[in-house]
Amino acid sequence: MDDINVLHHRCLLNLRRRIRDIGDGRPAQERYMRLQKDGDTLSYQGNSEEVGCYVAGHPLSKGNCYFEVTIVDTGVRGTIAVGLVPKFYRLDHQPGWLPYSVAYHADNGKLYNGNPVGQQFGPKCARGDRIGCGIHSENIEAGFTTVFFTKNGKEVGSVEVPVLAEGLFPAVGMHSMGEEVKVDLQAEWFLEEDDSMMMVDSHEDDWGRLYDVRVSGTEFV
């Protein structure tokens, strides 16, 4: 079998595997360790010395490019991380610590981008806060994508990260007793209008009123 036929054969095998994995109606396998999962609620079950981590069964995509995590309880230290990781990320590490992962950490407001040393990124998060994470999907197939984070619906910041062929999977990490969150993998987020654009719209309305006054002689109170 020549090289072209070998390559063709391998492509067919990979395609069959993908059809088998995603086309047979079975739910993708989510993974978690040292966490208890009850519906959409995750709670830490470790001894505060070991990390617990959850990885969703499906990567973010153009059709589903955002998710949110609501902090139900910060526990002892509030060491809750929300971000994106490869499919088979190690479950004994916080999201963002290892290569090809990125996460916003609630306890210190730092961004961890494939490194156990974080950089100051945004505000700390407390009980009741919602941490969101999403991708700008227009360039995800180019090997890189822009990942952005939100707090209570408002964007905190963004960072460009590399993307493996398997994609980026929603992940939540916890590291102290009593921590609990609710995960919404179907959340939606819409960019708020920029204040300057709102000002332009307002001025356009004012000019419209002036035009009406000049043309029709109508006065507005």
N, C-alpha and C. Protein backbone atom coordinates (compact mmCIF):
# COMPACT_ATOMS: atom_id res chain seq x y z
N MET A 1 0.86 -1.21 0.00
CA MET A 1 0.00 0.00 0.00
C MET A 1 0.89 1.25 0.00
N ASP A 2 0.69 2.14 -0.99
CA ASP A 2 1.55 3.32 -1.07
C ASP A 2 1.13 4.35 -0.03
N ASP A 3 1.94 5.43 0.05
CA ASP A 3 1.73 6.43 1.10
C ASP A 3 0.36 7.10 1.00
N ILE A 4 -0.08 7.37 -0.24
CA ILE A 4 -1.37 8.04 -0.41
C ILE A 4 -2.50 7.15 0.09
N ASN A 5 -2.43 5.85 -0.24
CA ASN A 5 -3.47 4.93 0.21
C ASN A 5 -3.46 4.76 1.73
N VAL A 6 -2.26 4.75 2.30
CA VAL A 6 -2.16 4.65 3.77
C VAL A 6 -2.81 5.86 4.42
N LEU A 7 -2.51 7.04 3.90
CA LEU A 7 -3.10 8.26 4.44
C LEU A 7 -4.61 8.25 4.29
N HIS A 8 -5.08 7.81 3.12
CA HIS A 8 -6.53 7.74 2.88
C HIS A 8 -7.18 6.77 3.87
N HIS A 9 -6.53 5.64 4.10
CA HIS A 9 -7.06 4.64 5.03
C HIS A 9 -7.15 5.20 6.44
N ARG A 10 -6.11 5.91 6.86
CA ARG A 10 -6.12 6.49 8.21
C ARG A 10 -7.21 7.54 8.35
N CYS A 11 -7.41 8.33 7.30
CA CYS A 11 -8.47 9.35 7.34
C CYS A 11 -9.84 8.70 7.49
N LEU A 12 -10.04 7.60 6.76
CA LEU A 12 -11.32 6.89 6.87
C LEU A 12 -11.53 6.35 8.27
N LEU A 13 -10.47 5.80 8.87
CA LEU A 13 -10.58 5.27 10.23
C LEU A 13 -10.92 6.37 11.21
N ASN A 14 -10.26 7.52 11.08
CA ASN A 14 -10.54 8.64 11.98
C ASN A 14 -11.96 9.13 11.81
N LEU A 15 -12.43 9.19 10.56
CA LEU A 15 -13.80 9.62 10.30
C LEU A 15 -14.79 8.65 10.92
N ARG A 16 -14.53 7.36 10.79
CA ARG A 16 -15.43 6.36 11.38
C ARG A 16 -15.47 6.47 12.89
N ARG A 17 -14.31 6.73 13.50
CA ARG A 17 -14.27 6.89 14.95
C ARG A 17 -15.10 8.09 15.38
N ARG A 18 -14.98 9.19 14.64
CA ARG A 18 -15.73 10.40 14.99
C ARG A 18 -17.23 10.17 14.82
N ILE A 19 -17.61 9.48 13.75
CA ILE A 19 -19.03 9.17 13.55
C ILE A 19 -19.53 8.28 14.68
N ARG A 20 -18.71 7.31 15.07
CA ARG A 20 -19.09 6.42 16.16
C ARG A 20 -19.24 7.18 17.46
N ASP A 21 -18.33 8.12 17.70
CA ASP A 21 -18.33 8.84 18.97
C ASP A 21 -19.45 9.86 19.08
N ILE A 22 -19.74 10.58 17.98
CA ILE A 22 -20.69 11.68 18.08
C ILE A 22 -21.97 11.44 17.31
N GLY A 23 -22.03 10.35 16.55
CA GLY A 23 -23.18 10.15 15.70
C GLY A 23 -24.11 9.04 16.12
N ASP A 24 -23.83 8.38 17.24
CA ASP A 24 -24.69 7.27 17.63
C ASP A 24 -25.71 7.65 18.69
N GLY A 25 -25.81 8.95 18.98
CA GLY A 25 -26.84 9.40 19.91
C GLY A 25 -26.44 9.31 21.37
N ARG A 26 -25.28 8.74 21.67
CA ARG A 26 -24.86 8.65 23.06
C ARG A 26 -24.29 9.98 23.54
N PRO A 27 -24.56 10.36 24.78
CA PRO A 27 -24.00 11.61 25.28
C PRO A 27 -22.48 11.50 25.43
N ALA A 28 -21.79 12.59 25.16
CA ALA A 28 -20.34 12.60 25.34
C ALA A 28 -20.03 12.44 26.83
N GLN A 29 -18.90 11.84 27.11
CA GLN A 29 -18.55 11.51 28.49
C GLN A 29 -17.90 12.71 29.18
N GLU A 30 -18.58 13.28 30.17
CA GLU A 30 -17.95 14.30 31.00
C GLU A 30 -17.07 13.61 32.03
N ARG A 31 -16.09 14.32 32.54
CA ARG A 31 -15.14 13.73 33.47
C ARG A 31 -15.01 14.63 34.69
N TYR A 32 -14.90 14.02 35.86
CA TYR A 32 -14.64 14.81 37.07
C TYR A 32 -14.06 13.93 38.16
N MET A 33 -13.33 14.57 39.08
CA MET A 33 -12.69 13.86 40.18
C MET A 33 -12.68 14.75 41.42
N ARG A 34 -12.90 14.12 42.58
CA ARG A 34 -12.99 14.80 43.88
C ARG A 34 -14.10 15.84 43.90
N LEU A 35 -15.10 15.62 43.09
CA LEU A 35 -16.28 16.48 43.06
C LEU A 35 -17.52 15.60 43.08
N GLN A 36 -18.56 16.12 43.68
CA GLN A 36 -19.87 15.46 43.61
C GLN A 36 -20.73 16.24 42.62
N LYS A 37 -21.39 15.53 41.73
CA LYS A 37 -22.24 16.18 40.72
C LYS A 37 -23.69 15.78 40.95
N ASP A 38 -24.54 16.78 41.12
CA ASP A 38 -25.97 16.57 41.30
C ASP A 38 -26.70 17.49 40.33
N GLY A 39 -27.08 16.94 39.18
CA GLY A 39 -27.66 17.79 38.14
C GLY A 39 -26.62 18.75 37.61
N ASP A 40 -26.90 20.04 37.71
CA ASP A 40 -25.93 21.04 37.25
C ASP A 40 -25.10 21.62 38.39
N THR A 41 -25.17 20.99 39.57
CA THR A 41 -24.43 21.47 40.75
C THR A 41 -23.20 20.61 41.00
N LEU A 42 -22.06 21.27 41.21
CA LEU A 42 -20.82 20.60 41.55
C LEU A 42 -20.39 21.04 42.94
N SER A 43 -19.97 20.09 43.78
CA SER A 43 -19.46 20.42 45.11
C SER A 43 -18.17 19.67 45.36
N TYR A 44 -17.25 20.34 46.04
CA TYR A 44 -15.93 19.78 46.30
C TYR A 44 -16.01 18.66 47.33
N GLN A 45 -15.30 17.56 47.08
CA GLN A 45 -15.32 16.40 47.97
C GLN A 45 -13.93 15.97 48.42
N GLY A 46 -12.94 16.83 48.25
CA GLY A 46 -11.58 16.49 48.64
C GLY A 46 -11.26 16.91 50.07
N ASN A 47 -9.97 16.94 50.38
CA ASN A 47 -9.51 17.27 51.73
C ASN A 47 -8.84 18.64 51.79
N SER A 48 -9.07 19.48 50.81
CA SER A 48 -8.51 20.83 50.70
C SER A 48 -7.02 20.84 50.37
N GLU A 49 -6.41 19.68 50.22
CA GLU A 49 -5.03 19.60 49.78
C GLU A 49 -4.92 19.17 48.33
N GLU A 50 -5.99 18.52 47.83
CA GLU A 50 -5.98 18.01 46.47
C GLU A 50 -7.03 18.73 45.62
N VAL A 51 -6.67 18.98 44.38
CA VAL A 51 -7.58 19.66 43.45
C VAL A 51 -8.66 18.71 42.97
N GLY A 52 -9.87 19.23 42.84
CA GLY A 52 -10.95 18.53 42.17
C GLY A 52 -11.28 19.28 40.89
N CYS A 53 -11.52 18.55 39.81
CA CYS A 53 -11.74 19.21 38.53
C CYS A 53 -12.85 18.53 37.74
N TYR A 54 -13.62 19.35 37.03
CA TYR A 54 -14.69 18.87 36.14
C TYR A 54 -14.38 19.32 34.72
N VAL A 55 -14.57 18.40 33.75
CA VAL A 55 -14.41 18.72 32.33
C VAL A 55 -15.67 18.27 31.60
N ALA A 56 -16.29 19.19 30.88
CA ALA A 56 -17.54 18.89 30.17
C ALA A 56 -17.31 17.90 29.03
N GLY A 57 -18.40 17.30 28.57
CA GLY A 57 -18.30 16.29 27.53
C GLY A 57 -18.15 16.82 26.13
N HIS A 58 -18.50 18.09 25.91
CA HIS A 58 -18.42 18.68 24.58
C HIS A 58 -17.57 19.94 24.61
N PRO A 59 -16.79 20.19 23.56
CA PRO A 59 -16.02 21.44 23.50
C PRO A 59 -16.92 22.60 23.11
N LEU A 60 -16.47 23.81 23.38
CA LEU A 60 -17.17 24.97 22.85
C LEU A 60 -17.04 24.97 21.32
N SER A 61 -18.03 25.57 20.67
CA SER A 61 -18.07 25.55 19.21
C SER A 61 -18.75 26.83 18.72
N LYS A 62 -18.87 26.97 17.41
CA LYS A 62 -19.53 28.14 16.85
C LYS A 62 -20.98 28.22 17.29
N GLY A 63 -21.61 27.07 17.45
CA GLY A 63 -23.01 27.05 17.86
C GLY A 63 -23.22 27.11 19.35
N ASN A 64 -22.19 26.84 20.13
CA ASN A 64 -22.29 26.84 21.59
C ASN A 64 -20.96 27.36 22.13
N CYS A 65 -20.83 28.68 22.18
CA CYS A 65 -19.50 29.27 22.40
C CYS A 65 -19.34 29.94 23.77
N TYR A 66 -20.20 29.64 24.73
CA TYR A 66 -20.15 30.34 26.02
C TYR A 66 -20.79 29.47 27.10
N PHE A 67 -20.26 29.56 28.32
CA PHE A 67 -20.91 28.91 29.46
C PHE A 67 -20.69 29.77 30.70
N GLU A 68 -21.48 29.51 31.73
CA GLU A 68 -21.39 30.28 32.98
C GLU A 68 -21.39 29.36 34.19
N VAL A 69 -20.72 29.83 35.23
CA VAL A 69 -20.67 29.13 36.51
C VAL A 69 -21.08 30.10 37.60
N THR A 70 -22.09 29.74 38.37
CA THR A 70 -22.54 30.56 39.49
C THR A 70 -21.97 30.01 40.78
N ILE A 71 -21.33 30.86 41.57
CA ILE A 71 -20.75 30.42 42.84
C ILE A 71 -21.86 30.34 43.89
N VAL A 72 -22.15 29.13 44.33
CA VAL A 72 -23.15 28.90 45.38
C VAL A 72 -22.53 29.09 46.75
N ASP A 73 -21.30 28.59 46.92
CA ASP A 73 -20.59 28.72 48.20
C ASP A 73 -19.10 28.75 47.92
N THR A 74 -18.39 29.69 48.54
CA THR A 74 -16.95 29.79 48.34
C THR A 74 -16.16 28.85 49.24
N GLY A 75 -16.84 28.21 50.19
CA GLY A 75 -16.14 27.28 51.07
C GLY A 75 -15.08 27.96 51.91
N VAL A 76 -14.02 27.22 52.21
CA VAL A 76 -12.96 27.72 53.10
C VAL A 76 -12.12 28.80 52.43
N ARG A 77 -11.72 28.59 51.17
CA ARG A 77 -10.78 29.51 50.52
C ARG A 77 -11.31 30.14 49.23
N GLY A 78 -12.38 29.63 48.69
CA GLY A 78 -12.90 30.19 47.44
C GLY A 78 -12.01 29.95 46.24
N THR A 79 -11.24 28.85 46.28
CA THR A 79 -10.30 28.55 45.20
C THR A 79 -11.03 27.85 44.05
N ILE A 80 -11.87 28.60 43.38
CA ILE A 80 -12.70 28.10 42.29
C ILE A 80 -12.17 28.67 40.98
N ALA A 81 -11.94 27.80 40.01
CA ALA A 81 -11.41 28.21 38.70
C ALA A 81 -12.40 27.85 37.61
N VAL A 82 -12.56 28.75 36.65
CA VAL A 82 -13.47 28.53 35.52
C VAL A 82 -12.71 28.81 34.23
N GLY A 83 -12.73 27.85 33.31
CA GLY A 83 -12.00 28.07 32.07
C GLY A 83 -12.18 26.97 31.06
N LEU A 84 -11.18 26.81 30.21
CA LEU A 84 -11.22 25.86 29.10
C LEU A 84 -9.95 25.01 29.10
N VAL A 85 -10.12 23.73 28.78
CA VAL A 85 -9.00 22.78 28.82
C VAL A 85 -9.11 21.80 27.65
N PRO A 86 -8.02 21.05 27.35
CA PRO A 86 -8.13 19.96 26.38
C PRO A 86 -9.02 18.85 26.91
N LYS A 87 -9.43 17.96 26.03
CA LYS A 87 -10.38 16.90 26.37
C LYS A 87 -9.91 16.03 27.52
N PHE A 88 -8.64 15.61 27.48
CA PHE A 88 -8.14 14.68 28.49
C PHE A 88 -7.22 15.40 29.49
N TYR A 89 -7.64 16.55 29.91
CA TYR A 89 -6.89 17.33 30.90
C TYR A 89 -6.80 16.56 32.21
N ARG A 90 -5.67 16.70 32.90
CA ARG A 90 -5.49 16.02 34.19
C ARG A 90 -6.44 16.60 35.24
N LEU A 91 -7.17 15.73 35.89
CA LEU A 91 -8.21 16.16 36.83
C LEU A 91 -7.67 16.49 38.22
N ASP A 92 -6.36 16.34 38.42
CA ASP A 92 -5.76 16.72 39.70
C ASP A 92 -5.04 18.07 39.60
N HIS A 93 -5.35 18.83 38.55
CA HIS A 93 -4.78 20.16 38.36
C HIS A 93 -5.88 21.17 38.09
N GLN A 94 -5.70 22.38 38.61
CA GLN A 94 -6.65 23.43 38.33
C GLN A 94 -6.60 23.79 36.84
N PRO A 95 -7.75 24.11 36.24
CA PRO A 95 -7.73 24.64 34.89
C PRO A 95 -6.82 25.87 34.81
N GLY A 96 -6.03 25.93 33.74
CA GLY A 96 -5.10 27.04 33.56
C GLY A 96 -3.68 26.73 33.97
N TRP A 97 -3.48 25.69 34.75
CA TRP A 97 -2.14 25.37 35.22
C TRP A 97 -1.29 24.68 34.15
N LEU A 98 -1.91 23.87 33.31
CA LEU A 98 -1.17 23.07 32.34
C LEU A 98 -1.31 23.64 30.93
N PRO A 99 -0.37 23.28 30.02
CA PRO A 99 -0.42 23.80 28.65
C PRO A 99 -1.77 23.57 27.97
N TYR A 100 -2.11 24.48 27.09
CA TYR A 100 -3.35 24.44 26.31
C TYR A 100 -4.60 24.58 27.17
N SER A 101 -4.45 25.16 28.35
CA SER A 101 -5.61 25.44 29.19
C SER A 101 -5.54 26.89 29.65
N VAL A 102 -6.70 27.45 29.98
CA VAL A 102 -6.76 28.84 30.44
C VAL A 102 -7.93 28.96 31.40
N ALA A 103 -7.77 29.76 32.47
CA ALA A 103 -8.85 29.87 33.45
C ALA A 103 -8.73 31.16 34.26
N TYR A 104 -9.88 31.61 34.69
CA TYR A 104 -10.03 32.77 35.59
C TYR A 104 -10.29 32.22 36.98
N HIS A 105 -9.47 32.62 37.96
CA HIS A 105 -9.57 32.08 39.32
C HIS A 105 -10.26 33.08 40.24
N ALA A 106 -11.30 32.59 40.92
CA ALA A 106 -12.18 33.46 41.70
C ALA A 106 -11.50 34.03 42.94
N ASP A 107 -10.59 33.27 43.56
CA ASP A 107 -10.04 33.69 44.85
C ASP A 107 -9.10 34.87 44.76
N ASN A 108 -8.41 35.02 43.61
CA ASN A 108 -7.44 36.11 43.48
C ASN A 108 -7.63 36.97 42.24
N GLY A 109 -8.60 36.64 41.41
CA GLY A 109 -8.86 37.43 40.21
C GLY A 109 -7.78 37.31 39.15
N LYS A 110 -6.96 36.26 39.23
CA LYS A 110 -5.87 36.11 38.28
C LYS A 110 -6.25 35.20 37.11
N LEU A 111 -5.57 35.41 36.00
CA LEU A 111 -5.72 34.56 34.82
C LEU A 111 -4.53 33.61 34.77
N TYR A 112 -4.84 32.33 34.63
CA TYR A 112 -3.81 31.31 34.48
C TYR A 112 -3.90 30.77 33.05
N ASN A 113 -2.82 30.96 32.30
CA ASN A 113 -2.82 30.63 30.88
C ASN A 113 -1.71 29.62 30.59
N GLY A 114 -2.02 28.35 30.86
CA GLY A 114 -1.04 27.30 30.64
C GLY A 114 0.16 27.39 31.54
N ASN A 115 -0.04 27.95 32.74
CA ASN A 115 1.08 28.19 33.65
C ASN A 115 0.56 28.23 35.08
N PRO A 116 1.25 27.56 36.03
CA PRO A 116 0.81 27.60 37.43
C PRO A 116 1.00 28.95 38.10
N VAL A 117 1.64 29.89 37.41
CA VAL A 117 1.80 31.25 37.92
C VAL A 117 0.82 32.15 37.16
N GLY A 118 -0.10 32.76 37.90
CA GLY A 118 -1.12 33.58 37.26
C GLY A 118 -0.73 35.04 37.12
N GLN A 119 -1.47 35.75 36.26
CA GLN A 119 -1.29 37.17 36.05
C GLN A 119 -2.56 37.91 36.47
N GLN A 120 -2.40 39.08 37.10
CA GLN A 120 -3.57 39.84 37.53
C GLN A 120 -4.45 40.14 36.32
N PHE A 121 -5.75 39.89 36.47
CA PHE A 121 -6.64 39.94 35.32
C PHE A 121 -7.94 40.68 35.59
N GLY A 122 -8.57 40.41 36.73
CA GLY A 122 -9.86 41.02 37.02
C GLY A 122 -10.16 40.98 38.51
N PRO A 123 -11.40 41.32 38.88
CA PRO A 123 -11.77 41.34 40.29
C PRO A 123 -11.94 39.93 40.86
N LYS A 124 -11.81 39.83 42.17
CA LYS A 124 -12.11 38.57 42.84
C LYS A 124 -13.62 38.31 42.76
N CYS A 125 -14.00 37.06 42.95
CA CYS A 125 -15.41 36.69 42.87
C CYS A 125 -15.85 36.05 44.18
N ALA A 126 -17.12 36.27 44.54
CA ALA A 126 -17.64 35.79 45.82
C ALA A 126 -18.95 35.03 45.59
N ARG A 127 -19.54 34.64 46.69
CA ARG A 127 -20.79 33.90 46.63
C ARG A 127 -21.86 34.69 45.87
N GLY A 128 -22.55 34.02 44.96
CA GLY A 128 -23.59 34.66 44.16
C GLY A 128 -23.11 35.22 42.84
N ASP A 129 -21.79 35.38 42.68
CA ASP A 129 -21.26 35.89 41.41
C ASP A 129 -21.33 34.83 40.32
N ARG A 130 -21.47 35.31 39.08
CA ARG A 130 -21.47 34.44 37.90
C ARG A 130 -20.19 34.70 37.10
N ILE A 131 -19.44 33.63 36.88
CA ILE A 131 -18.24 33.72 36.05
C ILE A 131 -18.55 33.07 34.71
N GLY A 132 -18.38 33.83 33.64
CA GLY A 132 -18.63 33.30 32.31
C GLY A 132 -17.35 33.14 31.52
N CYS A 133 -17.36 32.21 30.58
CA CYS A 133 -16.19 31.98 29.73
C CYS A 133 -16.69 31.64 28.33
N GLY A 134 -16.09 32.27 27.33
CA GLY A 134 -16.52 32.02 25.96
C GLY A 134 -15.40 32.20 24.97
N ILE A 135 -15.69 31.87 23.72
CA ILE A 135 -14.72 32.02 22.65
C ILE A 135 -15.31 32.88 21.54
N HIS A 136 -14.44 33.63 20.88
CA HIS A 136 -14.83 34.30 19.64
C HIS A 136 -14.59 33.29 18.52
N SER A 137 -15.66 32.68 18.05
CA SER A 137 -15.56 31.47 17.25
C SER A 137 -15.13 31.69 15.81
N GLU A 138 -15.02 32.93 15.37
CA GLU A 138 -14.73 33.15 13.95
C GLU A 138 -13.34 32.66 13.55
N ASN A 139 -12.41 32.53 14.51
CA ASN A 139 -11.06 32.11 14.14
C ASN A 139 -10.64 30.81 14.83
N ILE A 140 -11.59 30.04 15.34
CA ILE A 140 -11.22 28.85 16.12
C ILE A 140 -10.57 27.79 15.26
N GLU A 141 -10.88 27.76 13.96
CA GLU A 141 -10.33 26.73 13.09
C GLU A 141 -8.92 27.08 12.61
N ALA A 142 -8.41 28.23 12.96
CA ALA A 142 -7.09 28.66 12.52
C ALA A 142 -5.98 28.24 13.49
N GLY A 143 -6.32 27.48 14.52
CA GLY A 143 -5.32 27.03 15.48
C GLY A 143 -5.21 27.91 16.70
N PHE A 144 -5.84 29.08 16.67
CA PHE A 144 -5.89 29.98 17.81
C PHE A 144 -7.30 30.52 17.93
N THR A 145 -7.66 30.93 19.12
CA THR A 145 -8.93 31.62 19.30
C THR A 145 -8.81 32.60 20.45
N THR A 146 -9.70 33.55 20.50
CA THR A 146 -9.73 34.51 21.60
C THR A 146 -10.73 34.03 22.64
N VAL A 147 -10.24 33.83 23.85
CA VAL A 147 -11.09 33.42 24.97
C VAL A 147 -11.38 34.64 25.82
N PHE A 148 -12.63 34.84 26.17
CA PHE A 148 -12.99 35.98 27.02
C PHE A 148 -13.70 35.48 28.27
N PHE A 149 -13.63 36.30 29.32
CA PHE A 149 -14.26 35.97 30.59
C PHE A 149 -15.18 37.10 31.02
N THR A 150 -16.24 36.74 31.72
CA THR A 150 -17.19 37.73 32.23
C THR A 150 -17.42 37.52 33.72
N LYS A 151 -17.83 38.60 34.36
CA LYS A 151 -18.29 38.51 35.75
C LYS A 151 -19.66 39.18 35.81
N ASN A 152 -20.66 38.40 36.20
CA ASN A 152 -22.04 38.90 36.29
C ASN A 152 -22.49 39.56 34.98
N GLY A 153 -22.11 38.93 33.87
CA GLY A 153 -22.58 39.37 32.56
C GLY A 153 -21.75 40.45 31.90
N LYS A 154 -20.75 41.00 32.59
CA LYS A 154 -19.92 42.05 32.01
C LYS A 154 -18.52 41.50 31.73
N GLU A 155 -18.01 41.81 30.54
CA GLU A 155 -16.71 41.26 30.15
C GLU A 155 -15.60 41.81 31.03
N VAL A 156 -14.74 40.89 31.50
CA VAL A 156 -13.59 41.25 32.32
C VAL A 156 -12.36 41.48 31.44
N GLY A 157 -12.17 40.61 30.46
CA GLY A 157 -11.02 40.70 29.59
C GLY A 157 -10.94 39.49 28.69
N SER A 158 -9.92 39.46 27.82
CA SER A 158 -9.78 38.36 26.88
C SER A 158 -8.30 38.06 26.65
N VAL A 159 -8.05 36.88 26.07
CA VAL A 159 -6.68 36.45 25.79
C VAL A 159 -6.71 35.49 24.61
N GLU A 160 -5.68 35.54 23.78
CA GLU A 160 -5.58 34.62 22.65
C GLU A 160 -4.86 33.35 23.11
N VAL A 161 -5.43 32.19 22.77
CA VAL A 161 -4.85 30.92 23.21
C VAL A 161 -4.79 29.95 22.03
N PRO A 162 -3.83 29.01 22.06
CA PRO A 162 -3.78 27.97 21.02
C PRO A 162 -4.89 26.95 21.24
N VAL A 163 -5.35 26.35 20.15
CA VAL A 163 -6.42 25.36 20.22
C VAL A 163 -5.96 24.06 19.58
N LEU A 164 -6.05 22.96 20.32
CA LEU A 164 -5.76 21.65 19.76
C LEU A 164 -6.91 21.23 18.84
N ALA A 165 -6.67 20.20 18.03
CA ALA A 165 -7.69 19.75 17.08
C ALA A 165 -8.98 19.32 17.78
N GLU A 166 -8.86 18.82 19.00
CA GLU A 166 -10.03 18.33 19.73
C GLU A 166 -10.90 19.46 20.27
N GLY A 167 -10.37 20.67 20.31
CA GLY A 167 -11.13 21.82 20.79
C GLY A 167 -10.84 22.16 22.25
N LEU A 168 -11.63 23.08 22.78
CA LEU A 168 -11.50 23.55 24.16
C LEU A 168 -12.76 23.21 24.93
N PHE A 169 -12.60 22.53 26.06
CA PHE A 169 -13.72 22.02 26.83
C PHE A 169 -13.95 22.85 28.09
N PRO A 170 -15.19 23.19 28.39
CA PRO A 170 -15.49 23.90 29.64
C PRO A 170 -14.99 23.10 30.85
N ALA A 171 -14.40 23.81 31.80
CA ALA A 171 -13.85 23.15 32.98
C ALA A 171 -14.04 24.00 34.22
N VAL A 172 -14.18 23.32 35.36
CA VAL A 172 -14.29 23.98 36.66
C VAL A 172 -13.36 23.26 37.63
N GLY A 173 -12.57 24.03 38.36
CA GLY A 173 -11.70 23.45 39.38
C GLY A 173 -12.04 23.98 40.75
N MET A 174 -11.84 23.15 41.78
CA MET A 174 -12.06 23.56 43.17
C MET A 174 -10.94 22.98 44.03
N HIS A 175 -10.71 23.65 45.20
CA HIS A 175 -9.54 23.26 45.97
C HIS A 175 -9.71 23.47 47.48
N SER A 176 -10.94 23.64 47.96
CA SER A 176 -11.12 23.73 49.42
C SER A 176 -12.52 23.28 49.80
N MET A 177 -12.64 22.79 51.01
CA MET A 177 -13.90 22.21 51.48
C MET A 177 -15.02 23.25 51.49
N GLY A 178 -16.21 22.79 51.12
CA GLY A 178 -17.39 23.64 51.15
C GLY A 178 -17.67 24.38 49.86
N GLU A 179 -16.76 24.31 48.90
CA GLU A 179 -16.98 25.01 47.63
C GLU A 179 -18.07 24.32 46.82
N GLU A 180 -18.95 25.14 46.23
CA GLU A 180 -20.06 24.60 45.45
C GLU A 180 -20.45 25.59 44.36
N VAL A 181 -20.74 25.08 43.18
CA VAL A 181 -21.12 25.94 42.05
C VAL A 181 -22.24 25.29 41.25
N LYS A 182 -22.90 26.11 40.44
CA LYS A 182 -23.87 25.62 39.46
C LYS A 182 -23.34 25.96 38.07
N VAL A 183 -23.37 24.97 37.19
CA VAL A 183 -22.81 25.12 35.85
C VAL A 183 -23.94 25.20 34.82
N ASP A 184 -23.88 26.20 33.96
CA ASP A 184 -24.84 26.34 32.87
C ASP A 184 -24.09 26.28 31.55
N LEU A 185 -24.10 25.10 30.94
CA LEU A 185 -23.37 24.91 29.69
C LEU A 185 -24.12 25.45 28.48
N GLN A 186 -25.36 25.87 28.68
CA GLN A 186 -26.17 26.42 27.58
C GLN A 186 -26.38 27.93 27.73
N ALA A 187 -25.60 28.56 28.56
CA ALA A 187 -25.77 29.99 28.81
C ALA A 187 -25.50 30.79 27.53
N GLU A 188 -26.10 31.96 27.46
CA GLU A 188 -25.88 32.87 26.34
C GLU A 188 -25.39 34.21 26.88
N TRP A 189 -24.58 34.86 26.09
CA TRP A 189 -24.06 36.17 26.48
C TRP A 189 -24.05 37.07 25.27
N PHE A 190 -24.52 38.29 25.46
CA PHE A 190 -24.57 39.26 24.38
C PHE A 190 -23.77 40.49 24.78
N LEU A 191 -22.90 40.94 23.89
CA LEU A 191 -22.09 42.12 24.15
C LEU A 191 -22.97 43.34 24.33
N GLU A 192 -22.76 44.05 25.45
CA GLU A 192 -23.55 45.24 25.70
C GLU A 192 -23.13 46.36 24.76
N GLU A 193 -24.09 47.22 24.42
CA GLU A 193 -23.77 48.35 23.55
C GLU A 193 -22.75 49.25 24.21
N ASP A 194 -21.81 49.71 23.41
CA ASP A 194 -20.81 50.64 23.92
C ASP A 194 -21.46 51.98 24.25
N ASP A 195 -21.03 52.59 25.35
CA ASP A 195 -21.63 53.85 25.78
C ASP A 195 -21.55 54.92 24.70
N SER A 196 -20.42 54.95 23.96
CA SER A 196 -20.27 55.97 22.93
C SER A 196 -21.29 55.77 21.82
N MET A 197 -21.59 54.52 21.49
CA MET A 197 -22.59 54.25 20.47
C MET A 197 -23.96 54.70 20.95
N MET A 198 -24.23 54.50 22.24
CA MET A 198 -25.51 54.92 22.80
C MET A 198 -25.63 56.44 22.74
N MET A 199 -24.49 57.15 22.96
CA MET A 199 -24.51 58.61 22.88
C MET A 199 -24.80 59.07 21.46
N VAL A 200 -24.21 58.39 20.47
CA VAL A 200 -24.47 58.74 19.08
C VAL A 200 -25.94 58.56 18.75
N ASP A 201 -26.51 57.43 19.20
CA ASP A 201 -27.93 57.19 18.96
C ASP A 201 -28.78 58.29 19.57
N SER A 202 -28.39 58.74 20.79
CA SER A 202 -29.14 59.77 21.48
C SER A 202 -29.09 61.08 20.70
N HIS A 203 -27.90 61.45 20.19
CA HIS A 203 -27.77 62.68 19.43
C HIS A 203 -28.55 62.61 18.12
N GLU A 204 -28.61 61.41 17.52
CA GLU A 204 -29.40 61.26 16.30
C GLU A 204 -30.87 61.55 16.57
N ASP A 205 -31.35 61.10 17.74
CA ASP A 205 -32.74 61.39 18.11
C ASP A 205 -32.95 62.89 18.27
N ASP A 206 -31.96 63.57 18.89
CA ASP A 206 -32.08 65.02 19.09
C ASP A 206 -32.14 65.75 17.75
N TRP A 207 -31.28 65.36 16.81
CA TRP A 207 -31.29 65.99 15.49
C TRP A 207 -32.62 65.75 14.78
N GLY A 208 -33.19 64.57 14.98
CA GLY A 208 -34.48 64.26 14.38
C GLY A 208 -35.57 65.17 14.91
N ARG A 209 -35.53 65.45 16.22
CA ARG A 209 -36.53 66.33 16.82
C ARG A 209 -36.38 67.76 16.27
N LEU A 210 -35.12 68.23 16.14
CA LEU A 210 -34.89 69.57 15.61
C LEU A 210 -35.41 69.69 14.18
N TYR A 211 -35.21 68.63 13.39
CA TYR A 211 -35.69 68.65 12.02
C TYR A 211 -37.21 68.75 11.99
N ASP A 212 -37.88 68.00 12.87
CA ASP A 212 -39.33 68.06 12.93
C ASP A 212 -39.81 69.46 13.28
N VAL A 213 -39.12 70.11 14.20
CA VAL A 213 -39.50 71.46 14.62
C VAL A 213 -39.40 72.43 13.45
N ARG A 214 -38.28 72.34 12.71
CA ARG A 214 -38.08 73.28 11.61
C ARG A 214 -39.07 73.05 10.46
N VAL A 215 -39.37 71.80 10.19
CA VAL A 215 -40.24 71.50 9.05
C VAL A 215 -41.70 71.75 9.36
N SER A 216 -42.15 71.27 10.51
CA SER A 216 -43.59 71.33 10.80
C SER A 216 -43.97 72.41 11.79
N GLY A 217 -42.95 73.01 12.43
CA GLY A 217 -43.25 74.03 13.43
C GLY A 217 -43.74 73.45 14.73
N THR A 218 -43.66 72.14 14.87
CA THR A 218 -44.12 71.50 16.11
C THR A 218 -43.12 71.73 17.21
N GLU A 219 -43.60 72.02 18.40
CA GLU A 219 -42.73 72.20 19.56
C GLU A 219 -42.93 71.03 20.51
N PHE A 220 -41.83 70.57 21.07
CA PHE A 220 -41.87 69.46 22.02
C PHE A 220 -41.61 69.98 23.42
N VAL A 221 -42.37 69.49 24.38
CA VAL A 221 -42.20 69.90 25.76
C VAL A 221 -41.18 68.99 26.41
